[in-house]
Amino acid sequence: MILAVGNIKGGVGKTTLAVNIAISRALAGHDVLLVDGDEQRTAITFTDLRTEQIGSPGYTVVSLHGASLRTQVRQLADKYNDIVIDVGGRDTGSLRAALTVAETLLIPVQPRSFDIWAVDQVADLVKEALEINELRAVAILNAADAQGHDNEEATRAISEVEGIEMLKILIGRRKAFPNAAATGRSVLEQNPKDVKAVAELNSLINAIYLKQIKSV
């Protein structure tokens, strides 16, 4: 599968999810390509740290932008079991290119008003991409609150956006994710493991790749 993890809103945790997904698929025995399509090159920086810490990332990483992202991903698609594209932060040529080659777009959204409003704009980009690419677009609450009504309100609002599936699962605001990233690792590789973080990530993986969890 070619999976794009993106949003036009920055700071939603897309790179964290992208690298955790890529590592998860690699640990499962898949040949994985991670594409850093973000000008901040955070996925590249993470992979450099991971290589220093454990010797080998376990996946291949490349930095691609604009039209070359679309061209190169199409050429590389047959060489990998899974391609994960980290892209976005704003409406860029790289994001638009990713939407033309991805089979699924994962949209991380924090339960905040600005993040929720941005989903409408992402939906417009998805609608344009659908003219040339059969794309599944799913949203997930990321860094969700431990309690309160914001999660429910955000889920309800996003569920009303045409063309976007809202996953029932969520990723909590857990220190395990940044702590693992600081050592070049996924939450799956932490010792000791955060059981809840691992369960949430695995639920997301199943929802994307096995479609085991229905949308709202």
Protein backbone atom coordinates (compact mmCIF):
# COMPACT_ATOMS: atom_id res chain seq x y z
CA MET A 1 0.00 0.00 0.00
CA ILE A 2 1.04 3.58 -0.61
CA LEU A 3 0.02 5.56 2.46
CA ALA A 4 0.29 9.33 2.76
CA VAL A 5 0.23 10.88 6.23
CA GLY A 6 -0.60 14.52 5.81
CA ASN A 7 -2.54 17.63 6.72
CA ILE A 8 -2.33 21.29 5.72
CA LYS A 9 -2.17 22.11 9.44
CA GLY A 10 1.26 21.79 11.04
CA GLY A 11 1.96 20.44 14.51
CA VAL A 12 -0.58 17.62 14.34
CA GLY A 13 1.94 14.81 14.83
CA LYS A 14 1.99 13.47 11.28
CA THR A 15 5.71 12.65 11.25
CA THR A 16 5.43 10.81 14.56
CA LEU A 17 2.67 8.65 13.15
CA ALA A 18 4.43 8.19 9.81
CA VAL A 19 7.67 6.89 11.31
CA ASN A 20 5.84 4.67 13.81
CA ILE A 21 3.77 3.17 11.00
CA ALA A 22 6.85 2.64 8.82
CA ILE A 23 8.70 0.90 11.66
CA SER A 24 5.67 -1.22 12.50
CA ARG A 25 5.41 -2.48 8.94
CA ALA A 26 9.16 -3.13 8.82
CA LEU A 27 9.03 -5.08 12.08
CA ALA A 28 6.25 -7.16 10.53
CA GLY A 29 8.64 -8.21 7.78
CA HIS A 30 7.64 -5.81 5.04
CA ASP A 31 10.08 -4.02 2.75
CA VAL A 32 9.25 -0.38 3.54
CA LEU A 33 10.06 2.91 1.87
CA LEU A 34 9.59 6.06 3.94
CA VAL A 35 9.28 9.19 1.82
CA ASP A 36 10.01 12.51 3.51
CA GLY A 37 7.97 14.99 1.51
CA ASP A 38 8.10 17.73 4.13
CA GLU A 39 10.55 20.60 3.68
CA GLN A 40 11.40 20.41 7.38
CA ARG A 41 12.91 16.93 6.72
CA THR A 42 11.90 15.68 10.16
CA ALA A 43 11.56 12.07 8.98
CA ILE A 44 15.08 12.21 7.56
CA THR A 45 16.41 13.65 10.83
CA PHE A 46 14.63 10.93 12.81
CA THR A 47 16.06 8.22 10.55
CA ASP A 48 19.59 9.60 10.94
CA LEU A 49 19.15 9.45 14.73
CA ARG A 50 17.69 5.94 14.50
CA THR A 51 20.67 4.78 12.44
CA GLU A 52 23.09 6.22 15.01
CA GLN A 53 21.23 4.57 17.89
CA ILE A 54 20.53 1.08 16.56
CA GLY A 55 22.76 0.73 13.49
CA SER A 56 20.14 0.34 10.78
CA PRO A 57 16.68 1.90 10.44
CA GLY A 58 15.12 -1.26 9.03
CA TYR A 59 13.55 0.66 6.16
CA THR A 60 14.67 2.83 3.25
CA VAL A 61 14.18 6.60 3.42
CA VAL A 62 14.29 9.20 0.66
CA SER A 63 13.51 12.91 0.46
CA LEU A 64 11.23 13.85 -2.43
CA HIS A 65 9.32 17.02 -3.18
CA GLY A 66 6.91 18.43 -5.74
CA ALA A 67 6.39 16.65 -9.03
CA SER A 68 9.41 14.40 -8.42
CA LEU A 69 7.57 12.87 -5.47
CA ARG A 70 4.79 11.68 -7.76
CA THR A 71 7.19 10.47 -10.46
CA GLN A 72 9.61 8.66 -8.16
CA VAL A 73 6.95 7.01 -6.01
CA ARG A 74 5.29 5.61 -9.11
CA GLN A 75 8.63 4.22 -10.28
CA LEU A 76 9.46 2.73 -6.87
CA ALA A 77 6.04 1.30 -6.06
CA ASP A 78 6.79 -2.19 -7.37
CA LYS A 79 10.03 -2.43 -5.40
CA TYR A 80 8.48 -2.13 -1.92
CA ASN A 81 5.67 -3.82 -0.01
CA ASP A 82 4.73 -0.55 1.66
CA ILE A 83 5.41 3.11 0.99
CA VAL A 84 4.71 5.68 3.70
CA ILE A 85 4.79 9.34 2.66
CA ASP A 86 5.17 12.02 5.33
CA VAL A 87 3.89 15.20 3.74
CA GLY A 88 2.09 18.43 4.47
CA GLY A 89 2.17 21.11 7.09
CA ARG A 90 0.53 23.37 4.53
CA ASP A 91 -0.92 23.19 1.02
CA THR A 92 2.16 22.35 -1.06
CA GLY A 93 2.95 20.80 -4.40
CA SER A 94 4.35 17.82 -2.51
CA LEU A 95 1.08 17.24 -0.66
CA ARG A 96 -0.92 17.50 -3.86
CA ALA A 97 1.50 15.14 -5.62
CA ALA A 98 1.18 12.61 -2.78
CA LEU A 99 -2.60 12.64 -3.11
CA THR A 100 -2.31 11.59 -6.75
CA VAL A 101 -0.30 8.44 -5.98
CA ALA A 102 -1.43 7.35 -2.51
CA GLU A 103 -4.06 4.68 -2.01
CA THR A 104 -4.89 6.00 1.46
CA LEU A 105 -4.47 9.40 3.09
CA LEU A 106 -4.24 9.41 6.89
CA ILE A 107 -5.12 12.83 8.33
CA PRO A 108 -3.99 13.31 11.94
CA VAL A 109 -6.15 15.89 13.71
CA GLN A 110 -5.82 17.20 17.23
CA PRO A 111 -9.10 18.00 19.02
CA ARG A 112 -8.67 21.75 18.59
CA SER A 113 -10.76 24.21 16.56
CA PHE A 114 -8.01 25.23 14.12
CA ASP A 115 -7.17 21.60 13.39
CA ILE A 116 -10.80 20.70 12.81
CA TRP A 117 -11.34 23.65 10.48
CA ALA A 118 -8.34 22.56 8.40
CA VAL A 119 -10.01 19.24 7.61
CA ASP A 120 -12.48 21.05 5.33
CA GLN A 121 -9.56 22.32 3.27
CA VAL A 122 -7.97 18.88 3.13
CA ALA A 123 -11.33 17.50 1.94
CA ASP A 124 -11.24 19.96 -0.95
CA LEU A 125 -7.77 18.69 -1.95
CA VAL A 126 -8.99 15.11 -1.71
CA LYS A 127 -11.95 15.94 -3.94
CA GLU A 128 -9.58 17.33 -6.57
CA ALA A 129 -7.31 14.28 -6.31
CA LEU A 130 -10.25 11.91 -6.76
CA GLU A 131 -10.60 13.16 -10.32
CA ILE A 132 -7.42 11.24 -11.21
CA ASN A 133 -6.83 8.87 -8.29
CA GLU A 134 -9.07 6.53 -6.31
CA LEU A 135 -8.10 7.72 -2.84
CA ARG A 136 -9.39 6.70 0.58
CA ALA A 137 -9.10 9.54 3.10
CA VAL A 138 -9.33 8.79 6.82
CA ALA A 139 -8.92 11.08 9.81
CA ILE A 140 -7.80 10.15 13.31
CA LEU A 141 -7.70 12.13 16.52
CA ASN A 142 -4.05 12.41 17.52
CA ALA A 143 -2.72 13.63 20.86
CA ALA A 144 -6.28 13.32 22.08
CA ASP A 145 -7.29 14.52 25.54
CA ALA A 146 -7.48 12.04 28.40
CA GLN A 147 -10.85 13.41 29.44
CA GLY A 148 -13.42 16.08 28.61
CA HIS A 149 -15.79 16.59 25.72
CA ASP A 150 -13.33 17.92 23.13
CA ASN A 151 -12.65 14.48 21.66
CA GLU A 152 -16.35 13.76 21.14
CA GLU A 153 -17.05 17.19 19.69
CA ALA A 154 -14.10 16.94 17.31
CA THR A 155 -15.14 13.45 16.18
CA ARG A 156 -18.67 14.61 15.52
CA ALA A 157 -17.52 17.67 13.54
CA ILE A 158 -15.06 15.76 11.37
CA SER A 159 -17.59 12.99 10.72
CA GLU A 160 -19.74 15.58 8.98
CA VAL A 161 -17.01 16.50 6.47
CA GLU A 162 -17.86 15.02 3.09
CA GLY A 163 -15.26 12.66 1.66
CA ILE A 164 -13.42 12.02 4.93
CA GLU A 165 -13.84 8.87 7.03
CA MET A 166 -13.46 9.41 10.77
CA LEU A 167 -11.86 6.47 12.55
CA LYS A 168 -13.42 5.40 15.82
CA ILE A 169 -10.02 4.86 17.42
CA LEU A 170 -7.77 7.65 18.69
CA ILE A 171 -4.17 8.20 19.69
CA GLY A 172 -3.83 9.72 23.15
CA ARG A 173 -1.49 12.49 24.21
CA ARG A 174 1.15 10.14 25.56
CA LYS A 175 4.77 10.86 26.51
CA ALA A 176 5.71 7.47 25.09
CA PHE A 177 5.66 8.81 21.52
CA PRO A 178 8.10 11.74 21.95
CA ASN A 179 10.21 9.73 24.38
CA ALA A 180 10.59 6.91 21.88
CA ALA A 181 11.31 9.34 19.04
CA ALA A 182 14.09 10.95 21.09
CA THR A 183 15.93 7.62 20.98
CA GLY A 184 15.20 6.91 17.32
CA ARG A 185 12.63 4.28 18.14
CA SER A 186 8.96 3.46 17.77
CA VAL A 187 6.74 2.97 20.79
CA LEU A 188 6.77 -0.69 19.75
CA GLU A 189 10.49 -0.83 20.56
CA GLN A 190 10.52 1.02 23.86
CA ASN A 191 11.62 -0.76 26.99
CA PRO A 192 9.57 -0.73 29.10
CA LYS A 193 6.67 -0.40 26.70
CA ASP A 194 3.70 1.88 27.18
CA VAL A 195 0.97 -0.73 26.75
CA LYS A 196 -1.72 1.82 25.88
CA ALA A 197 0.43 3.57 23.27
CA VAL A 198 1.30 0.23 21.66
CA ALA A 199 -2.37 -0.82 21.61
CA GLU A 200 -3.44 2.46 20.02
CA LEU A 201 -0.77 2.26 17.33
CA ASN A 202 -1.64 -1.37 16.54
CA SER A 203 -5.32 -0.43 16.29
CA LEU A 204 -4.41 2.29 13.80
CA ILE A 205 -2.29 -0.13 11.76
CA ASN A 206 -5.18 -2.60 11.63
CA ALA A 207 -7.64 0.13 10.63
CA ILE A 208 -5.44 1.25 7.75
CA TYR A 209 -4.04 -1.99 6.40
CA LEU A 210 -6.62 -4.58 7.46
CA LYS A 211 -9.63 -2.24 7.66
CA GLN A 212 -10.69 -4.01 10.84
CA ILE A 213 -12.15 -0.93 12.49
CA LYS A 214 -15.08 0.82 10.89
CA SER A 215 -15.34 4.55 10.57
CA VAL A 216 -17.77 6.67 12.57
